[in-house]
Amino acid sequence: MRVAAKTNLLVPEIREVMDIRQASDYLGISSDTLYKYASEAFVPAFKLGNRWRFKRSRLDEWMDRQSDAVTAVAESEAGGKKKPVRGEY
C-alpha cells in the first residue's frame, strides 16, 4: 500500500502484472474462483513458472467485453427496446 498524496488515505497500489491474490482483489472475487477461471482459460492469464499472473490491462479489456456481451443479451431479450418502467404505487 502507498499513501495517497495530500491525504491520509491508504490506497492499494495496482500493478500492471498481478499475482492471483492481487488480481482476485482487483476483480472482487475469491482467489479460488480466479484460479478456476484461469485454469479453464475463462480469464486472460499466463503462467510464470508455475504461478498464474494477470495483466491489469488485459483484465480491463476482458471485463469490457464481458460487459458488452451481457448488455447485448439483455437488449436482445427485450426485443431491442427498453422495458417500460412502472411508477410506484
Protein backbone atom coordinates (compact mmCIF):
# COMPACT_ATOMS: atom_id res chain seq x y z
CA MET A 1 0.00 0.00 0.00
CA ARG A 2 1.09 3.53 -0.56
CA VAL A 3 -0.08 6.78 0.96
CA ALA A 4 -2.05 9.00 -1.44
CA ALA A 5 -0.60 12.47 -1.95
CA LYS A 6 -2.04 15.18 0.34
CA THR A 7 -4.40 12.78 2.13
CA ASN A 8 -4.28 10.33 4.98
CA LEU A 9 -5.94 7.57 2.95
CA LEU A 10 -4.16 4.33 2.20
CA VAL A 11 -4.54 3.42 -1.46
CA PRO A 12 -3.62 -0.07 -2.68
CA GLU A 13 -1.03 0.02 -5.42
CA ILE A 14 -2.36 -1.62 -8.59
CA ARG A 15 0.45 -3.04 -10.65
CA GLU A 16 0.30 -3.93 -14.33
CA VAL A 17 1.20 -7.57 -13.64
CA MET A 18 -0.56 -9.07 -10.65
CA ASP A 19 -0.42 -12.38 -8.83
CA ILE A 20 -3.59 -14.33 -8.11
CA ARG A 21 -4.26 -12.60 -4.78
CA GLN A 22 -3.86 -9.10 -6.21
CA ALA A 23 -5.96 -9.93 -9.28
CA SER A 24 -8.74 -11.52 -7.22
CA ASP A 25 -8.87 -8.39 -5.04
CA TYR A 26 -8.93 -6.23 -8.19
CA LEU A 27 -11.81 -8.25 -9.69
CA GLY A 28 -13.66 -8.65 -6.40
CA ILE A 29 -13.77 -12.45 -6.49
CA SER A 30 -12.15 -15.14 -4.39
CA SER A 31 -8.68 -16.46 -5.19
CA ASP A 32 -10.14 -19.96 -5.58
CA THR A 33 -12.66 -18.75 -8.17
CA LEU A 34 -9.98 -16.84 -10.09
CA TYR A 35 -7.68 -19.87 -10.04
CA LYS A 36 -10.51 -21.96 -11.53
CA TYR A 37 -11.24 -19.30 -14.18
CA ALA A 38 -7.55 -19.08 -15.12
CA SER A 39 -7.22 -22.87 -15.33
CA GLU A 40 -10.24 -23.01 -17.64
CA ALA A 41 -8.93 -20.06 -19.76
CA PHE A 42 -12.07 -18.08 -18.90
CA VAL A 43 -10.00 -15.04 -17.89
CA PRO A 44 -6.82 -13.83 -19.64
CA ALA A 45 -3.87 -15.13 -17.64
CA PHE A 46 -0.42 -16.62 -18.12
CA LYS A 47 1.90 -18.74 -16.05
CA LEU A 48 5.28 -17.51 -14.95
CA GLY A 49 6.99 -20.65 -13.76
CA ASN A 50 4.18 -22.50 -12.02
CA ARG A 51 2.29 -19.42 -10.83
CA TRP A 52 -0.57 -17.58 -12.51
CA ARG A 53 -0.06 -13.93 -13.46
CA PHE A 54 -2.61 -11.41 -14.74
CA LYS A 55 -2.07 -8.19 -16.69
CA ARG A 56 -4.36 -5.42 -15.45
CA SER A 57 -4.86 -4.02 -18.97
CA ARG A 58 -5.92 -7.44 -20.31
CA LEU A 59 -8.33 -7.91 -17.39
CA ASP A 60 -9.83 -4.47 -18.08
CA GLU A 61 -10.32 -5.37 -21.76
CA TRP A 62 -11.85 -8.73 -20.78
CA MET A 63 -14.27 -7.04 -18.36
CA ASP A 64 -15.29 -4.57 -21.09
CA ARG A 65 -16.02 -7.46 -23.49
CA GLN A 66 -17.96 -9.35 -20.80
CA SER A 67 -19.98 -6.23 -20.02
CA ASP A 68 -20.74 -5.62 -23.71
CA ALA A 69 -21.88 -9.24 -24.13
CA VAL A 70 -24.22 -9.05 -21.14
CA THR A 71 -25.69 -5.78 -22.42
CA ALA A 72 -26.25 -7.28 -25.89
CA VAL A 73 -28.04 -10.31 -24.42
CA ALA A 74 -30.26 -8.13 -22.24
CA GLU A 75 -31.18 -5.92 -25.21
CA SER A 76 -31.98 -8.90 -27.43
CA GLU A 77 -34.20 -10.42 -24.73
CA ALA A 78 -36.06 -7.11 -24.52
CA GLY A 79 -36.54 -7.11 -28.28
CA GLY A 80 -34.09 -4.26 -28.72
CA LYS A 81 -36.38 -1.95 -26.80
CA LYS A 82 -36.17 -0.76 -23.24
CA LYS A 83 -38.78 -2.16 -20.94
CA PRO A 84 -41.28 0.41 -19.69
CA VAL A 85 -40.83 1.42 -16.10
CA ARG A 86 -43.90 1.26 -13.95
CA GLY A 87 -44.39 4.01 -11.42
CA GLU A 88 -44.51 3.17 -7.75
CA TYR A 89 -47.94 2.92 -6.18
